[in-house]
PDB file of N, CA and C in Angstrom:
ATOM      1  N   MET A   1     -15.658  33.233  62.416  1.00  0.00           N
ATOM      2  CA  MET A   1     -16.147  32.020  63.031  1.00  0.00           C
ATOM      3  C   MET A   1     -15.213  31.638  64.168  1.00  0.00           C
ATOM      4  N   GLN A   2     -15.785  31.312  65.285  1.00  0.00           N
ATOM      5  CA  GLN A   2     -14.989  30.871  66.427  1.00  0.00           C
ATOM      6  C   GLN A   2     -14.666  29.391  66.253  1.00  0.00           C
ATOM      7  N   MET A   3     -13.442  29.038  66.512  1.00  0.00           N
ATOM      8  CA  MET A   3     -13.013  27.648  66.379  1.00  0.00           C
ATOM      9  C   MET A   3     -12.872  27.049  67.774  1.00  0.00           C
ATOM     10  N   VAL A   4     -13.239  25.782  67.888  1.00  0.00           N
ATOM     11  CA  VAL A   4     -13.154  25.062  69.147  1.00  0.00           C
ATOM     12  C   VAL A   4     -12.402  23.768  68.896  1.00  0.00           C
ATOM     13  N   ASP A   5     -11.419  23.487  69.728  1.00  0.00           N
ATOM     14  CA  ASP A   5     -10.705  22.212  69.635  1.00  0.00           C
ATOM     15  C   ASP A   5     -11.460  21.177  70.441  1.00  0.00           C
ATOM     16  N   VAL A   6     -11.627  19.999  69.838  1.00  0.00           N
ATOM     17  CA  VAL A   6     -12.363  18.921  70.489  1.00  0.00           C
ATOM     18  C   VAL A   6     -11.530  17.654  70.411  1.00  0.00           C
ATOM     19  N   SER A   7     -11.452  16.947  71.511  1.00  0.00           N
ATOM     20  CA  SER A   7     -10.769  15.649  71.524  1.00  0.00           C
ATOM     21  C   SER A   7     -11.811  14.552  71.394  1.00  0.00           C
ATOM     22  N   ILE A   8     -11.563  13.641  70.449  1.00  0.00           N
ATOM     23  CA  ILE A   8     -12.464  12.512  70.277  1.00  0.00           C
ATOM     24  C   ILE A   8     -11.636  11.231  70.269  1.00  0.00           C
ATOM     25  N   PRO A   9     -12.248  10.128  70.683  1.00  0.00           N
ATOM     26  CA  PRO A   9     -11.524   8.856  70.695  1.00  0.00           C
ATOM     27  C   PRO A   9     -11.046   8.457  69.302  1.00  0.00           C
ATOM     28  N   ASN A  10      -9.932   7.749  69.235  1.00  0.00           N
ATOM     29  CA  ASN A  10      -9.347   7.335  67.953  1.00  0.00           C
ATOM     30  C   ASN A  10     -10.317   6.520  67.100  1.00  0.00           C
ATOM     31  N   ASN A  11     -11.081   5.634  67.740  1.00  0.00           N
ATOM     32  CA  ASN A  11     -12.002   4.798  66.952  1.00  0.00           C
ATOM     33  C   ASN A  11     -13.104   5.647  66.311  1.00  0.00           C
ATOM     34  N   LEU A  12     -13.525   6.693  66.991  1.00  0.00           N
ATOM     35  CA  LEU A  12     -14.527   7.586  66.413  1.00  0.00           C
ATOM     36  C   LEU A  12     -13.910   8.433  65.300  1.00  0.00           C
ATOM     37  N   ALA A  13     -12.703   8.896  65.518  1.00  0.00           N
ATOM     38  CA  ALA A  13     -12.003   9.687  64.503  1.00  0.00           C
ATOM     39  C   ALA A  13     -11.803   8.881  63.226  1.00  0.00           C
ATOM     40  N   SER A  14     -11.418   7.620  63.361  1.00  0.00           N
ATOM     41  CA  SER A  14     -11.209   6.801  62.162  1.00  0.00           C
ATOM     42  C   SER A  14     -12.529   6.537  61.443  1.00  0.00           C
ATOM     43  N   GLN A  15     -13.607   6.408  62.191  1.00  0.00           N
ATOM     44  CA  GLN A  15     -14.925   6.217  61.580  1.00  0.00           C
ATOM     45  C   GLN A  15     -15.342   7.464  60.814  1.00  0.00           C
ATOM     46  N   ILE A  16     -15.107   8.616  61.395  1.00  0.00           N
ATOM     47  CA  ILE A  16     -15.457   9.877  60.731  1.00  0.00           C
ATOM     48  C   ILE A  16     -14.628  10.053  59.466  1.00  0.00           C
ATOM     49  N   LYS A  17     -13.342   9.730  59.534  1.00  0.00           N
ATOM     50  CA  LYS A  17     -12.472   9.868  58.359  1.00  0.00           C
ATOM     51  C   LYS A  17     -12.935   8.989  57.208  1.00  0.00           C
ATOM     52  N   SER A  18     -13.526   7.841  57.527  1.00  0.00           N
ATOM     53  CA  SER A  18     -13.939   6.909  56.473  1.00  0.00           C
ATOM     54  C   SER A  18     -15.383   7.111  56.029  1.00  0.00           C
ATOM     55  N   THR A  19     -16.063   8.093  56.603  1.00  0.00           N
ATOM     56  CA  THR A  19     -17.451   8.338  56.229  1.00  0.00           C
ATOM     57  C   THR A  19     -17.513   8.911  54.820  1.00  0.00           C
ATOM     58  N   PRO A  20     -18.256   8.267  53.924  1.00  0.00           N
ATOM     59  CA  PRO A  20     -18.325   8.749  52.539  1.00  0.00           C
ATOM     60  C   PRO A  20     -19.198   9.993  52.409  1.00  0.00           C
ATOM     61  N   ARG A  21     -19.043  10.674  51.302  1.00  0.00           N
ATOM     62  CA  ARG A  21     -19.898  11.792  50.870  1.00  0.00           C
ATOM     63  C   ARG A  21     -19.775  13.054  51.714  1.00  0.00           C
ATOM     64  N   LEU A  22     -18.856  13.149  52.582  1.00  0.00           N
ATOM     65  CA  LEU A  22     -18.785  14.330  53.433  1.00  0.00           C
ATOM     66  C   LEU A  22     -17.551  15.179  53.188  1.00  0.00           C
ATOM     67  N   GLY A  23     -16.936  15.044  52.050  1.00  0.00           N
ATOM     68  CA  GLY A  23     -15.739  15.816  51.778  1.00  0.00           C
ATOM     69  C   GLY A  23     -14.504  15.082  52.245  1.00  0.00           C
ATOM     70  N   SER A  24     -13.375  15.753  52.162  1.00  0.00           N
ATOM     71  CA  SER A  24     -12.124  15.080  52.492  1.00  0.00           C
ATOM     72  C   SER A  24     -11.569  15.487  53.846  1.00  0.00           C
ATOM     73  N   ALA A  25     -11.781  16.722  54.246  1.00  0.00           N
ATOM     74  CA  ALA A  25     -11.218  17.194  55.519  1.00  0.00           C
ATOM     75  C   ALA A  25     -12.066  16.708  56.688  1.00  0.00           C
ATOM     76  N   THR A  26     -11.398  16.198  57.702  1.00  0.00           N
ATOM     77  CA  THR A  26     -12.109  15.698  58.874  1.00  0.00           C
ATOM     78  C   THR A  26     -12.918  16.808  59.537  1.00  0.00           C
ATOM     79  N   SER A  27     -12.385  18.029  59.558  1.00  0.00           N
ATOM     80  CA  SER A  27     -13.125  19.135  60.178  1.00  0.00           C
ATOM     81  C   SER A  27     -14.416  19.419  59.412  1.00  0.00           C
ATOM     82  N   ASP A  28     -14.394  19.302  58.082  1.00  0.00           N
ATOM     83  CA  ASP A  28     -15.610  19.479  57.288  1.00  0.00           C
ATOM     84  C   ASP A  28     -16.620  18.392  57.601  1.00  0.00           C
ATOM     85  N   LYS A  29     -16.127  17.169  57.722  1.00  0.00           N
ATOM     86  CA  LYS A  29     -17.015  16.053  58.050  1.00  0.00           C
ATOM     87  C   LYS A  29     -17.651  16.254  59.418  1.00  0.00           C
ATOM     88  N   MET A  30     -16.861  16.694  60.386  1.00  0.00           N
ATOM     89  CA  MET A  30     -17.393  16.942  61.738  1.00  0.00           C
ATOM     90  C   MET A  30     -18.458  18.028  61.693  1.00  0.00           C
ATOM     91  N   GLN A  31     -18.214  19.063  60.919  1.00  0.00           N
ATOM     92  CA  GLN A  31     -19.168  20.166  60.802  1.00  0.00           C
ATOM     93  C   GLN A  31     -20.502  19.660  60.261  1.00  0.00           C
ATOM     94  N   ILE A  32     -20.448  18.833  59.241  1.00  0.00           N
ATOM     95  CA  ILE A  32     -21.669  18.290  58.645  1.00  0.00           C
ATOM     96  C   ILE A  32     -22.371  17.349  59.613  1.00  0.00           C
ATOM     97  N   LEU A  33     -21.608  16.465  60.251  1.00  0.00           N
ATOM     98  CA  LEU A  33     -22.218  15.513  61.176  1.00  0.00           C
ATOM     99  C   LEU A  33     -22.849  16.212  62.373  1.00  0.00           C
ATOM    100  N   LEU A  34     -22.224  17.257  62.866  1.00  0.00           N
ATOM    101  CA  LEU A  34     -22.814  18.021  63.969  1.00  0.00           C
ATOM    102  C   LEU A  34     -24.098  18.719  63.527  1.00  0.00           C
ATOM    103  N   ALA A  35     -24.095  19.261  62.324  1.00  0.00           N
ATOM    104  CA  ALA A  35     -25.301  19.906  61.802  1.00  0.00           C
ATOM    105  C   ALA A  35     -26.431  18.889  61.655  1.00  0.00           C
ATOM    106  N   ILE A  36     -26.107  17.694  61.183  1.00  0.00           N
ATOM    107  CA  ILE A  36     -27.114  16.626  61.077  1.00  0.00           C
ATOM    108  C   ILE A  36     -27.683  16.311  62.454  1.00  0.00           C
ATOM    109  N   GLY A  37     -26.810  16.172  63.430  1.00  0.00           N
ATOM    110  CA  GLY A  37     -27.260  15.871  64.789  1.00  0.00           C
ATOM    111  C   GLY A  37     -28.173  16.945  65.344  1.00  0.00           C
ATOM    112  N   LEU A  38     -27.830  18.198  65.109  1.00  0.00           N
ATOM    113  CA  LEU A  38     -28.676  19.295  65.583  1.00  0.00           C
ATOM    114  C   LEU A  38     -30.032  19.300  64.889  1.00  0.00           C
ATOM    115  N   PHE A  39     -30.046  18.953  63.603  1.00  0.00           N
ATOM    116  CA  PHE A  39     -31.305  18.883  62.875  1.00  0.00           C
ATOM    117  C   PHE A  39     -32.164  17.714  63.363  1.00  0.00           C
ATOM    118  N   VAL A  40     -31.549  16.559  63.503  1.00  0.00           N
ATOM    119  CA  VAL A  40     -32.291  15.356  63.916  1.00  0.00           C
ATOM    120  C   VAL A  40     -32.899  15.527  65.308  1.00  0.00           C
ATOM    121  N   THR A  41     -32.188  16.212  66.185  1.00  0.00           N
ATOM    122  CA  THR A  41     -32.696  16.428  67.545  1.00  0.00           C
ATOM    123  C   THR A  41     -33.596  17.657  67.633  1.00  0.00           C
ATOM    124  N   LYS A  42     -33.888  18.253  66.480  1.00  0.00           N
ATOM    125  CA  LYS A  42     -34.790  19.401  66.373  1.00  0.00           C
ATOM    126  C   LYS A  42     -34.289  20.630  67.122  1.00  0.00           C
ATOM    127  N   GLU A  43     -32.973  20.748  67.228  1.00  0.00           N
ATOM    128  CA  GLU A  43     -32.375  21.929  67.839  1.00  0.00           C
ATOM    129  C   GLU A  43     -32.323  23.085  66.848  1.00  0.00           C
ATOM    130  N   VAL A  44     -32.250  22.753  65.554  1.00  0.00           N
ATOM    131  CA  VAL A  44     -32.215  23.769  64.499  1.00  0.00           C
ATOM    132  C   VAL A  44     -33.116  23.337  63.346  1.00  0.00           C
ATOM    133  N   SER A  45     -33.500  24.308  62.550  1.00  0.00           N
ATOM    134  CA  SER A  45     -34.323  24.033  61.371  1.00  0.00           C
ATOM    135  C   SER A  45     -33.470  23.410  60.266  1.00  0.00           C
ATOM    136  N   LEU A  46     -34.138  22.943  59.248  1.00  0.00           N
ATOM    137  CA  LEU A  46     -33.448  22.375  58.098  1.00  0.00           C
ATOM    138  C   LEU A  46     -32.535  23.415  57.451  1.00  0.00           C
ATOM    139  N   ALA A  47     -33.057  24.609  57.264  1.00  0.00           N
ATOM    140  CA  ALA A  47     -32.261  25.670  56.632  1.00  0.00           C
ATOM    141  C   ALA A  47     -31.048  26.037  57.479  1.00  0.00           C
ATOM    142  N   ARG A  48     -31.233  26.131  58.784  1.00  0.00           N
ATOM    143  CA  ARG A  48     -30.118  26.483  59.670  1.00  0.00           C
ATOM    144  C   ARG A  48     -29.083  25.362  59.696  1.00  0.00           C
ATOM    145  N   ALA A  49     -29.536  24.108  59.704  1.00  0.00           N
ATOM    146  CA  ALA A  49     -28.607  22.974  59.689  1.00  0.00           C
ATOM    147  C   ALA A  49     -27.773  22.978  58.410  1.00  0.00           C
ATOM    148  N   ALA A  50     -28.408  23.271  57.288  1.00  0.00           N
ATOM    149  CA  ALA A  50     -27.671  23.356  56.017  1.00  0.00           C
ATOM    150  C   ALA A  50     -26.608  24.440  56.099  1.00  0.00           C
ATOM    151  N   GLU A  51     -26.983  25.576  56.655  1.00  0.00           N
ATOM    152  CA  GLU A  51     -26.035  26.684  56.818  1.00  0.00           C
ATOM    153  C   GLU A  51     -24.870  26.271  57.715  1.00  0.00           C
ATOM    154  N   LEU A  52     -25.183  25.614  58.820  1.00  0.00           N
ATOM    155  CA  LEU A  52     -24.135  25.164  59.739  1.00  0.00           C
ATOM    156  C   LEU A  52     -23.224  24.130  59.090  1.00  0.00           C
ATOM    157  N   ALA A  53     -23.794  23.319  58.209  1.00  0.00           N
ATOM    158  CA  ALA A  53     -23.014  22.290  57.519  1.00  0.00           C
ATOM    159  C   ALA A  53     -22.150  22.876  56.407  1.00  0.00           C
ATOM    160  N   GLY A  54     -22.411  24.135  56.059  1.00  0.00           N
ATOM    161  CA  GLY A  54     -21.679  24.741  54.961  1.00  0.00           C
ATOM    162  C   GLY A  54     -22.147  24.252  53.610  1.00  0.00           C
ATOM    163  N   GLN A  55     -23.411  23.861  53.536  1.00  0.00           N
ATOM    164  CA  GLN A  55     -23.981  23.345  52.299  1.00  0.00           C
ATOM    165  C   GLN A  55     -25.203  24.163  51.922  1.00  0.00           C
ATOM    166  N   THR A  56     -25.565  24.079  50.645  1.00  0.00           N
ATOM    167  CA  THR A  56     -26.837  24.671  50.237  1.00  0.00           C
ATOM    168  C   THR A  56     -27.949  23.793  50.803  1.00  0.00           C
ATOM    169  N   LEU A  57     -29.157  24.311  50.786  1.00  0.00           N
ATOM    170  CA  LEU A  57     -30.291  23.539  51.281  1.00  0.00           C
ATOM    171  C   LEU A  57     -30.448  22.242  50.497  1.00  0.00           C
ATOM    172  N   VAL A  58     -30.321  22.319  49.189  1.00  0.00           N
ATOM    173  CA  VAL A  58     -30.458  21.122  48.348  1.00  0.00           C
ATOM    174  C   VAL A  58     -29.338  20.119  48.634  1.00  0.00           C
ATOM    175  N   GLU A  59     -28.112  20.613  48.786  1.00  0.00           N
ATOM    176  CA  GLU A  59     -26.991  19.721  49.110  1.00  0.00           C
ATOM    177  C   GLU A  59     -27.218  19.027  50.453  1.00  0.00           C
ATOM    178  N   PHE A  60     -27.674  19.787  51.430  1.00  0.00           N
ATOM    179  CA  PHE A  60     -27.888  19.208  52.763  1.00  0.00           C
ATOM    180  C   PHE A  60     -29.014  18.176  52.733  1.00  0.00           C
ATOM    181  N   MET A  61     -30.068  18.464  51.982  1.00  0.00           N
ATOM    182  CA  MET A  61     -31.147  17.487  51.851  1.00  0.00           C
ATOM    183  C   MET A  61     -30.624  16.206  51.198  1.00  0.00           C
ATOM    184  N   GLY A  62     -29.711  16.332  50.243  1.00  0.00           N
ATOM    185  CA  GLY A  62     -29.079  15.167  49.624  1.00  0.00           C
ATOM    186  C   GLY A  62     -28.223  14.401  50.614  1.00  0.00           C
ATOM    187  N   THR A  63     -27.522  15.124  51.474  1.00  0.00           N
ATOM    188  CA  THR A  63     -26.709  14.479  52.509  1.00  0.00           C
ATOM    189  C   THR A  63     -27.601  13.705  53.466  1.00  0.00           C
ATOM    190  N   LEU A  64     -28.706  14.315  53.879  1.00  0.00           N
ATOM    191  CA  LEU A  64     -29.643  13.615  54.764  1.00  0.00           C
ATOM    192  C   LEU A  64     -30.193  12.370  54.082  1.00  0.00           C
ATOM    193  N   LYS A  65     -30.542  12.498  52.810  1.00  0.00           N
ATOM    194  CA  LYS A  65     -31.064  11.351  52.063  1.00  0.00           C
ATOM    195  C   LYS A  65     -30.039  10.227  52.010  1.00  0.00           C
ATOM    196  N   PHE A  66     -28.776  10.582  51.787  1.00  0.00           N
ATOM    197  CA  PHE A  66     -27.706   9.591  51.741  1.00  0.00           C
ATOM    198  C   PHE A  66     -27.668   8.758  53.024  1.00  0.00           C
ATOM    199  N   PHE A  67     -27.915   9.417  54.159  1.00  0.00           N
ATOM    200  CA  PHE A  67     -27.897   8.729  55.449  1.00  0.00           C
ATOM    201  C   PHE A  67     -29.262   8.159  55.842  1.00  0.00           C
ATOM    202  N   GLY A  68     -30.252   8.282  54.969  1.00  0.00           N
ATOM    203  CA  GLY A  68     -31.581   7.735  55.257  1.00  0.00           C
ATOM    204  C   GLY A  68     -32.373   8.551  56.259  1.00  0.00           C
ATOM    205  N   ILE A  69     -32.074   9.842  56.338  1.00  0.00           N
ATOM    206  CA  ILE A  69     -32.757  10.728  57.277  1.00  0.00           C
ATOM    207  C   ILE A  69     -33.724  11.595  56.483  1.00  0.00           C
ATOM    208  N   PRO A  70     -35.014  11.549  56.825  1.00  0.00           N
ATOM    209  CA  PRO A  70     -35.961  12.391  56.081  1.00  0.00           C
ATOM    210  C   PRO A  70     -35.714  13.870  56.373  1.00  0.00           C
ATOM    211  N   SER A  71     -35.739  14.672  55.321  1.00  0.00           N
ATOM    212  CA  SER A  71     -35.513  16.103  55.516  1.00  0.00           C
ATOM    213  C   SER A  71     -36.813  16.837  55.820  1.00  0.00           C
ATOM    214  N   LEU A  72     -37.912  16.262  55.440  1.00  0.00           N
ATOM    215  CA  LEU A  72     -39.214  16.849  55.718  1.00  0.00           C
ATOM    216  C   LEU A  72     -40.066  15.836  56.456  1.00  0.00           C
ATOM    217  N   VAL A  73     -40.750  16.305  57.468  1.00  0.00           N
ATOM    218  CA  VAL A  73     -41.603  15.427  58.269  1.00  0.00           C
ATOM    219  C   VAL A  73     -43.049  15.873  58.083  1.00  0.00           C
ATOM    220  N   TYR A  74     -43.882  14.964  57.665  1.00  0.00           N
ATOM    221  CA  TYR A  74     -45.300  15.238  57.461  1.00  0.00           C
ATOM    222  C   TYR A  74     -46.036  14.831  58.723  1.00  0.00           C
ATOM    223  N   THR A  75     -46.401  15.808  59.529  1.00  0.00           N
ATOM    224  CA  THR A  75     -47.006  15.543  60.830  1.00  0.00           C
ATOM    225  C   THR A  75     -48.511  15.313  60.717  1.00  0.00           C
ATOM    226  N   ASP A  76     -49.093  14.805  61.791  1.00  0.00           N
ATOM    227  CA  ASP A  76     -50.548  14.630  61.841  1.00  0.00           C
ATOM    228  C   ASP A  76     -51.253  15.978  61.702  1.00  0.00           C
ATOM    229  N   GLU A  77     -50.691  17.006  62.288  1.00  0.00           N
ATOM    230  CA  GLU A  77     -51.274  18.343  62.192  1.00  0.00           C
ATOM    231  C   GLU A  77     -51.270  18.834  60.739  1.00  0.00           C
ATOM    232  N   MET A  78     -50.200  18.571  60.031  1.00  0.00           N
ATOM    233  CA  MET A  78     -50.130  18.952  58.620  1.00  0.00           C
ATOM    234  C   MET A  78     -51.177  18.188  57.803  1.00  0.00           C
ATOM    235  N   TYR A  79     -51.331  16.911  58.124  1.00  0.00           N
ATOM    236  CA  TYR A  79     -52.329  16.092  57.440  1.00  0.00           C
ATOM    237  C   TYR A  79     -53.731  16.652  57.682  1.00  0.00           C
ATOM    238  N   ASP A  80     -54.030  16.984  58.934  1.00  0.00           N
ATOM    239  CA  ASP A  80     -55.346  17.542  59.268  1.00  0.00           C
ATOM    240  C   ASP A  80     -55.596  18.850  58.525  1.00  0.00           C
ATOM    241  N   ASP A  81     -54.571  19.696  58.447  1.00  0.00           N
ATOM    242  CA  ASP A  81     -54.700  20.954  57.713  1.00  0.00           C
ATOM    243  C   ASP A  81     -54.969  20.698  56.228  1.00  0.00           C
ATOM    244  N   ASP A  82     -54.262  19.743  55.656  1.00  0.00           N
ATOM    245  CA  ASP A  82     -54.457  19.413  54.249  1.00  0.00           C
ATOM    246  C   ASP A  82     -55.850  18.838  54.012  1.00  0.00           C
ATOM    247  N   LEU A  83     -56.303  18.014  54.933  1.00  0.00           N
ATOM    248  CA  LEU A  83     -57.630  17.422  54.818  1.00  0.00           C
ATOM    249  C   LEU A  83     -58.705  18.506  54.878  1.00  0.00           C
ATOM    250  N   LYS A  84     -58.549  19.462  55.774  1.00  0.00           N
ATOM    251  CA  LYS A  84     -59.495  20.578  55.859  1.00  0.00           C
ATOM    252  C   LYS A  84     -59.504  21.366  54.557  1.00  0.00           C
ATOM    253  N   PHE A  85     -58.344  21.589  53.997  1.00  0.00           N
ATOM    254  CA  PHE A  85     -58.253  22.331  52.736  1.00  0.00           C
ATOM    255  C   PHE A  85     -58.944  21.585  51.602  1.00  0.00           C
ATOM    256  N   VAL A  86     -58.703  20.292  51.503  1.00  0.00           N
ATOM    257  CA  VAL A  86     -59.297  19.488  50.435  1.00  0.00           C
ATOM    258  C   VAL A  86     -60.815  19.449  50.566  1.00  0.00           C
ATOM    259  N   ASN A  87     -61.292  19.392  51.793  1.00  0.00           N
ATOM    260  CA  ASN A  87     -62.720  19.283  52.030  1.00  0.00           C
ATOM    261  C   ASN A  87     -63.439  20.635  52.110  1.00  0.00           C
ATOM    262  N   ALA A  88     -62.698  21.723  51.987  1.00  0.00           N
ATOM    263  CA  ALA A  88     -63.299  23.056  52.061  1.00  0.00           C
ATOM    264  C   ALA A  88     -64.223  23.276  50.865  1.00  0.00           C
ATOM    265  N   GLU A  89     -65.308  23.953  51.129  1.00  0.00           N
ATOM    266  CA  GLU A  89     -66.242  24.277  50.050  1.00  0.00           C
ATOM    267  C   GLU A  89     -65.816  25.596  49.445  1.00  0.00           C
ATOM    268  N   TRP A  90     -65.748  25.605  48.153  1.00  0.00           N
ATOM    269  CA  TRP A  90     -65.312  26.815  47.446  1.00  0.00           C
ATOM    270  C   TRP A  90     -66.502  27.470  46.863  1.00  0.00           C
TER     271      TRP A  90
END
């Protein structure tokens, strides 16, 4: 894994250090928070974000839930597909 040094403002660093549920090491917390950001902005899939966070899929979904972020999005297209399936004649 390639490591990158990043400078962040002290007030942000102290906020990250005090963030609950993300482990004890600040670098671990940053890794998880960056993975969350990539997932929320739809840059990566849920599975890839979990991998980037260093968590299992279930653990990452729990982390998202802790922060009030839905891990699955039920789109209008998904609803339409489900409606077609329910109304299909067998």
